Amino acid sequence: MKDKILMIIFVIITGSILTTALVVVDGYTKPIIAKNAAIKLKSSIMSALNIDFTEQNVEEIFAKSVKEESKGGKSFYAAMDGVVALPFKGAGLWGPITGVLAMSGDLKTIKGLTIIHQEETPGLGSRIAEKAHLDKFLNKEFAPALETVSEGKTEKNTQIDAISGATMSSKALVNILNAQYEEYRAVF
């Protein structure tokens, strides 16, 4: 009986020490994680807006080149050349996809696209975040919406080549962009 009581006391003391340690570490790292997330967002915005920067001057260049604005409850970022960056988030095939869509000032032509986070299948669906795929969106138009077509079959300025083997992830990204574009278009 004494052994069981000692074991329970040991578990309670060890649990309390470890819980306290986790709370302290969480409190210490939370601001660092928040700062890194903010820098990642700013970097993604500037990449979408095609603004040159380095890791060392992200904050400085962002402050000089980009202005955060809000309209109708939607936040967006405006560059000095009139291009606007619209954050987006939606459901991919396997998890959320977040990123930034840069549009011309008239909100018709895509000027840039970056993916901040995605959880698609590594090596297949995750290719939606690769520069080669994102470049397929450049100068495309929402007229009235983007559509996914088989690779190599684009004929219109609204069509995007799907990734072979990752058609569902490609379609999910296009659906997210169409939905977010409609929300922003309604606000503007």
C-alpha atoms as a PDB file:
ATOM      1  CA  MET A   1       0.000   0.000   0.000  1.00  0.00           C
ATOM      2  CA  LYS A   2       2.874   2.325   0.871  1.00  0.00           C
ATOM      3  CA  ASP A   3       4.416   1.718  -2.591  1.00  0.00           C
ATOM      4  CA  LYS A   4       1.194   2.762  -4.311  1.00  0.00           C
ATOM      5  CA  ILE A   5       0.969   5.985  -2.299  1.00  0.00           C
ATOM      6  CA  LEU A   6       4.609   6.821  -3.079  1.00  0.00           C
ATOM      7  CA  MET A   7       3.978   6.140  -6.780  1.00  0.00           C
ATOM      8  CA  ILE A   8       0.935   8.471  -6.778  1.00  0.00           C
ATOM      9  CA  ILE A   9       2.923  11.199  -4.985  1.00  0.00           C
ATOM     10  CA  PHE A  10       5.786  10.762  -7.488  1.00  0.00           C
ATOM     11  CA  VAL A  11       3.406  11.053 -10.444  1.00  0.00           C
ATOM     12  CA  ILE A  12       1.736  14.178  -8.989  1.00  0.00           C
ATOM     13  CA  ILE A  13       5.058  15.903  -8.248  1.00  0.00           C
ATOM     14  CA  THR A  14       6.585  14.964 -11.628  1.00  0.00           C
ATOM     15  CA  GLY A  15       3.406  16.039 -13.442  1.00  0.00           C
ATOM     16  CA  SER A  16       3.348  19.356 -11.610  1.00  0.00           C
ATOM     17  CA  ILE A  17       7.013  20.081 -12.394  1.00  0.00           C
ATOM     18  CA  LEU A  18       6.618  19.200 -16.073  1.00  0.00           C
ATOM     19  CA  THR A  19       3.378  21.176 -16.389  1.00  0.00           C
ATOM     20  CA  THR A  20       5.060  24.227 -14.844  1.00  0.00           C
ATOM     21  CA  ALA A  21       8.003  23.835 -17.215  1.00  0.00           C
ATOM     22  CA  LEU A  22       5.666  23.671 -20.217  1.00  0.00           C
ATOM     23  CA  VAL A  23       3.795  26.794 -19.101  1.00  0.00           C
ATOM     24  CA  VAL A  24       7.081  28.698 -18.670  1.00  0.00           C
ATOM     25  CA  VAL A  25       8.415  27.580 -22.070  1.00  0.00           C
ATOM     26  CA  ASP A  26       5.094  28.457 -23.725  1.00  0.00           C
ATOM     27  CA  GLY A  27       5.117  31.911 -22.149  1.00  0.00           C
ATOM     28  CA  TYR A  28       8.700  32.486 -23.276  1.00  0.00           C
ATOM     29  CA  THR A  29       8.257  31.267 -26.869  1.00  0.00           C
ATOM     30  CA  LYS A  30       4.797  32.702 -27.632  1.00  0.00           C
ATOM     31  CA  PRO A  31       6.049  36.237 -28.538  1.00  0.00           C
ATOM     32  CA  ILE A  32       8.914  34.782 -30.588  1.00  0.00           C
ATOM     33  CA  ILE A  33       6.509  32.560 -32.533  1.00  0.00           C
ATOM     34  CA  ALA A  34       4.143  35.509 -33.098  1.00  0.00           C
ATOM     35  CA  LYS A  35       6.997  37.692 -34.371  1.00  0.00           C
ATOM     36  CA  ASN A  36       8.200  34.965 -36.750  1.00  0.00           C
ATOM     37  CA  ALA A  37       4.631  34.470 -38.048  1.00  0.00           C
ATOM     38  CA  ALA A  38       4.339  38.232 -38.682  1.00  0.00           C
ATOM     39  CA  ILE A  39       7.650  38.254 -40.561  1.00  0.00           C
ATOM     40  CA  LYS A  40       6.549  35.249 -42.630  1.00  0.00           C
ATOM     41  CA  LEU A  41       3.281  37.026 -43.526  1.00  0.00           C
ATOM     42  CA  LYS A  42       5.112  40.229 -44.472  1.00  0.00           C
ATOM     43  CA  SER A  43       7.617  38.255 -46.548  1.00  0.00           C
ATOM     44  CA  SER A  44       4.793  36.449 -48.345  1.00  0.00           C
ATOM     45  CA  ILE A  45       2.979  39.718 -49.024  1.00  0.00           C
ATOM     46  CA  MET A  46       6.097  41.332 -50.467  1.00  0.00           C
ATOM     47  CA  SER A  47       6.857  38.228 -52.549  1.00  0.00           C
ATOM     48  CA  ALA A  48       3.340  38.328 -54.004  1.00  0.00           C
ATOM     49  CA  LEU A  49       3.715  42.053 -54.678  1.00  0.00           C
ATOM     50  CA  ASN A  50       7.114  41.384 -56.317  1.00  0.00           C
ATOM     51  CA  ILE A  51       8.976  43.667 -53.900  1.00  0.00           C
ATOM     52  CA  ASP A  52      12.677  42.885 -53.394  1.00  0.00           C
ATOM     53  CA  PHE A  53      13.798  42.282 -49.804  1.00  0.00           C
ATOM     54  CA  THR A  54      16.185  40.222 -47.719  1.00  0.00           C
ATOM     55  CA  GLU A  55      15.607  38.405 -44.446  1.00  0.00           C
ATOM     56  CA  GLN A  56      17.443  41.187 -42.617  1.00  0.00           C
ATOM     57  CA  ASN A  57      15.338  44.064 -43.942  1.00  0.00           C
ATOM     58  CA  VAL A  58      11.820  42.591 -44.110  1.00  0.00           C
ATOM     59  CA  GLU A  59      10.362  44.955 -41.502  1.00  0.00           C
ATOM     60  CA  GLU A  60      12.053  48.055 -42.951  1.00  0.00           C
ATOM     61  CA  ILE A  61      11.109  47.387 -46.597  1.00  0.00           C
ATOM     62  CA  PHE A  62       7.558  46.382 -45.644  1.00  0.00           C
ATOM     63  CA  ALA A  63       7.066  49.649 -43.709  1.00  0.00           C
ATOM     64  CA  LYS A  64       8.329  51.694 -46.686  1.00  0.00           C
ATOM     65  CA  SER A  65       6.603  49.785 -49.487  1.00  0.00           C
ATOM     66  CA  VAL A  66       3.302  48.385 -48.204  1.00  0.00           C
ATOM     67  CA  LYS A  67       0.319  49.917 -46.488  1.00  0.00           C
ATOM     68  CA  GLU A  68      -2.176  47.788 -44.563  1.00  0.00           C
ATOM     69  CA  GLU A  69      -5.759  48.826 -45.188  1.00  0.00           C
ATOM     70  CA  SER A  70      -9.211  47.581 -44.349  1.00  0.00           C
ATOM     71  CA  LYS A  71     -12.482  47.887 -46.194  1.00  0.00           C
ATOM     72  CA  GLY A  72     -15.801  46.317 -45.306  1.00  0.00           C
ATOM     73  CA  GLY A  73     -14.187  44.235 -42.576  1.00  0.00           C
ATOM     74  CA  LYS A  74     -11.611  42.724 -44.966  1.00  0.00           C
ATOM     75  CA  SER A  75      -7.915  43.487 -44.530  1.00  0.00           C
ATOM     76  CA  PHE A  76      -5.674  43.896 -47.544  1.00  0.00           C
ATOM     77  CA  TYR A  77      -2.272  45.359 -48.358  1.00  0.00           C
ATOM     78  CA  ALA A  78      -1.584  48.048 -50.930  1.00  0.00           C
ATOM     79  CA  ALA A  79       1.776  48.569 -52.623  1.00  0.00           C
ATOM     80  CA  MET A  80       2.929  51.973 -53.774  1.00  0.00           C
ATOM     81  CA  ASP A  81       2.403  50.985 -57.436  1.00  0.00           C
ATOM     82  CA  GLY A  82      -1.339  50.323 -56.901  1.00  0.00           C
ATOM     83  CA  VAL A  83      -1.138  46.527 -56.739  1.00  0.00           C
ATOM     84  CA  VAL A  84      -3.097  45.075 -53.816  1.00  0.00           C
ATOM     85  CA  ALA A  85      -2.341  41.908 -51.858  1.00  0.00           C
ATOM     86  CA  LEU A  86      -5.317  39.931 -50.610  1.00  0.00           C
ATOM     87  CA  PRO A  87      -4.744  37.287 -47.928  1.00  0.00           C
ATOM     88  CA  PHE A  88      -6.690  34.073 -48.483  1.00  0.00           C
ATOM     89  CA  LYS A  89      -7.489  30.937 -46.561  1.00  0.00           C
ATOM     90  CA  GLY A  90      -9.559  27.900 -47.406  1.00  0.00           C
ATOM     91  CA  ALA A  91      -9.882  24.147 -47.325  1.00  0.00           C
ATOM     92  CA  GLY A  92      -7.511  22.182 -49.515  1.00  0.00           C
ATOM     93  CA  LEU A  93      -7.845  18.488 -50.184  1.00  0.00           C
ATOM     94  CA  TRP A  94      -6.114  17.431 -46.933  1.00  0.00           C
ATOM     95  CA  GLY A  95      -5.981  20.604 -44.855  1.00  0.00           C
ATOM     96  CA  PRO A  96      -6.071  24.382 -44.902  1.00  0.00           C
ATOM     97  CA  ILE A  97      -4.288  26.414 -47.544  1.00  0.00           C
ATOM     98  CA  THR A  98      -3.318  30.001 -46.742  1.00  0.00           C
ATOM     99  CA  GLY A  99      -1.525  32.520 -48.881  1.00  0.00           C
ATOM    100  CA  VAL A 100      -1.523  35.925 -50.514  1.00  0.00           C
ATOM    101  CA  LEU A 101      -2.989  36.854 -53.895  1.00  0.00           C
ATOM    102  CA  ALA A 102      -1.654  40.044 -55.514  1.00  0.00           C
ATOM    103  CA  MET A 103      -4.026  41.750 -57.928  1.00  0.00           C
ATOM    104  CA  SER A 104      -3.806  44.771 -60.182  1.00  0.00           C
ATOM    105  CA  GLY A 105      -5.462  47.904 -58.778  1.00  0.00           C
ATOM    106  CA  ASP A 106      -8.650  47.230 -60.766  1.00  0.00           C
ATOM    107  CA  LEU A 107      -8.853  43.738 -59.190  1.00  0.00           C
ATOM    108  CA  LYS A 108      -8.927  41.935 -62.521  1.00  0.00           C
ATOM    109  CA  THR A 109      -5.430  40.620 -63.212  1.00  0.00           C
ATOM    110  CA  ILE A 110      -3.301  38.393 -60.988  1.00  0.00           C
ATOM    111  CA  LYS A 111       0.119  39.943 -60.397  1.00  0.00           C
ATOM    112  CA  GLY A 112       1.495  37.464 -57.877  1.00  0.00           C
ATOM    113  CA  LEU A 113       0.633  34.509 -55.681  1.00  0.00           C
ATOM    114  CA  THR A 114       2.347  32.968 -52.664  1.00  0.00           C
ATOM    115  CA  ILE A 115       1.381  30.060 -50.451  1.00  0.00           C
ATOM    116  CA  ILE A 116       2.129  30.534 -46.757  1.00  0.00           C
ATOM    117  CA  HIS A 117       0.859  27.187 -45.512  1.00  0.00           C
ATOM    118  CA  GLN A 118      -0.539  24.019 -47.069  1.00  0.00           C
ATOM    119  CA  GLU A 119      -1.003  20.423 -45.958  1.00  0.00           C
ATOM    120  CA  GLU A 120      -1.352  18.689 -49.293  1.00  0.00           C
ATOM    121  CA  THR A 121       0.299  15.356 -50.115  1.00  0.00           C
ATOM    122  CA  PRO A 122       4.096  15.769 -50.100  1.00  0.00           C
ATOM    123  CA  GLY A 123       5.525  15.452 -53.603  1.00  0.00           C
ATOM    124  CA  LEU A 124       2.117  15.639 -55.297  1.00  0.00           C
ATOM    125  CA  GLY A 125      -0.438  18.126 -54.006  1.00  0.00           C
ATOM    126  CA  SER A 126       2.251  20.095 -52.201  1.00  0.00           C
ATOM    127  CA  ARG A 127       3.490  21.148 -55.645  1.00  0.00           C
ATOM    128  CA  ILE A 128       0.760  23.816 -55.579  1.00  0.00           C
ATOM    129  CA  ALA A 129       3.213  25.879 -53.503  1.00  0.00           C
ATOM    130  CA  GLU A 130       6.087  25.566 -55.988  1.00  0.00           C
ATOM    131  CA  LYS A 131       7.096  28.663 -57.948  1.00  0.00           C
ATOM    132  CA  ALA A 132       6.666  26.866 -61.277  1.00  0.00           C
ATOM    133  CA  HIS A 133       3.006  26.216 -60.521  1.00  0.00           C
ATOM    134  CA  LEU A 134       2.334  29.618 -58.953  1.00  0.00           C
ATOM    135  CA  ASP A 135       3.810  31.336 -62.020  1.00  0.00           C
ATOM    136  CA  LYS A 136       0.995  29.773 -64.094  1.00  0.00           C
ATOM    137  CA  PHE A 137      -1.379  32.203 -62.352  1.00  0.00           C
ATOM    138  CA  LEU A 138       0.512  35.353 -63.389  1.00  0.00           C
ATOM    139  CA  ASN A 139      -1.491  37.696 -65.623  1.00  0.00           C
ATOM    140  CA  LYS A 140      -4.556  35.429 -65.494  1.00  0.00           C
ATOM    141  CA  GLU A 141      -7.922  37.100 -64.962  1.00  0.00           C
ATOM    142  CA  PHE A 142     -11.007  36.430 -62.894  1.00  0.00           C
ATOM    143  CA  ALA A 143     -13.500  36.869 -65.734  1.00  0.00           C
ATOM    144  CA  PRO A 144     -15.815  35.698 -64.217  1.00  0.00           C
ATOM    145  CA  ALA A 145     -13.711  33.040 -62.423  1.00  0.00           C
ATOM    146  CA  LEU A 146     -10.577  30.940 -62.742  1.00  0.00           C
ATOM    147  CA  GLU A 147     -10.988  27.351 -63.856  1.00  0.00           C
ATOM    148  CA  THR A 148      -8.731  24.305 -63.761  1.00  0.00           C
ATOM    149  CA  VAL A 149      -8.016  22.380 -66.946  1.00  0.00           C
ATOM    150  CA  SER A 150      -5.840  19.376 -67.752  1.00  0.00           C
ATOM    151  CA  GLU A 151      -2.159  20.139 -68.004  1.00  0.00           C
ATOM    152  CA  GLY A 152      -1.280  21.707 -71.338  1.00  0.00           C
ATOM    153  CA  LYS A 153      -4.916  22.442 -72.278  1.00  0.00           C
ATOM    154  CA  THR A 154      -5.164  26.143 -71.370  1.00  0.00           C
ATOM    155  CA  GLU A 155      -6.862  28.160 -74.078  1.00  0.00           C
ATOM    156  CA  LYS A 156      -8.327  31.124 -72.180  1.00  0.00           C
ATOM    157  CA  ASN A 157      -6.847  33.702 -69.853  1.00  0.00           C
ATOM    158  CA  THR A 158      -9.019  32.308 -67.055  1.00  0.00           C
ATOM    159  CA  GLN A 159      -7.705  28.740 -67.239  1.00  0.00           C
ATOM    160  CA  ILE A 160      -4.984  27.257 -65.043  1.00  0.00           C
ATOM    161  CA  ASP A 161      -3.144  24.003 -65.784  1.00  0.00           C
ATOM    162  CA  ALA A 162      -3.788  21.413 -63.082  1.00  0.00           C
ATOM    163  CA  ILE A 163      -0.858  19.463 -61.709  1.00  0.00           C
ATOM    164  CA  SER A 164      -0.819  15.909 -63.077  1.00  0.00           C
ATOM    165  CA  GLY A 165      -1.453  13.561 -60.178  1.00  0.00           C
ATOM    166  CA  ALA A 166      -2.685  16.407 -57.991  1.00  0.00           C
ATOM    167  CA  THR A 167      -5.791  17.575 -59.815  1.00  0.00           C
ATOM    168  CA  MET A 168      -7.874  17.753 -56.633  1.00  0.00           C
ATOM    169  CA  SER A 169      -5.301  19.944 -54.849  1.00  0.00           C
ATOM    170  CA  SER A 170      -5.060  22.168 -57.931  1.00  0.00           C
ATOM    171  CA  LYS A 171      -8.840  22.518 -58.056  1.00  0.00           C
ATOM    172  CA  ALA A 172      -8.992  23.197 -54.318  1.00  0.00           C
ATOM    173  CA  LEU A 173      -6.539  26.105 -54.673  1.00  0.00           C
ATOM    174  CA  VAL A 174      -8.469  27.560 -57.615  1.00  0.00           C
ATOM    175  CA  ASN A 175     -11.767  27.199 -55.705  1.00  0.00           C
ATOM    176  CA  ILE A 176     -10.275  29.001 -52.691  1.00  0.00           C
ATOM    177  CA  LEU A 177      -9.005  31.821 -54.909  1.00  0.00           C
ATOM    178  CA  ASN A 178     -12.375  32.159 -56.664  1.00  0.00           C
ATOM    179  CA  ALA A 179     -14.267  32.268 -53.346  1.00  0.00           C
ATOM    180  CA  GLN A 180     -11.900  34.785 -51.760  1.00  0.00           C
ATOM    181  CA  TYR A 181     -11.881  36.915 -54.914  1.00  0.00           C
ATOM    182  CA  GLU A 182     -15.678  37.109 -54.832  1.00  0.00           C
ATOM    183  CA  GLU A 183     -15.592  38.208 -51.191  1.00  0.00           C
ATOM    184  CA  TYR A 184     -13.047  40.945 -51.903  1.00  0.00           C
ATOM    185  CA  ARG A 185     -14.802  42.011 -55.117  1.00  0.00           C
ATOM    186  CA  ALA A 186     -18.048  42.474 -53.184  1.00  0.00           C
ATOM    187  CA  VAL A 187     -16.231  44.700 -50.686  1.00  0.00           C
ATOM    188  CA  PHE A 188     -14.472  46.782 -53.333  1.00  0.00           C
END
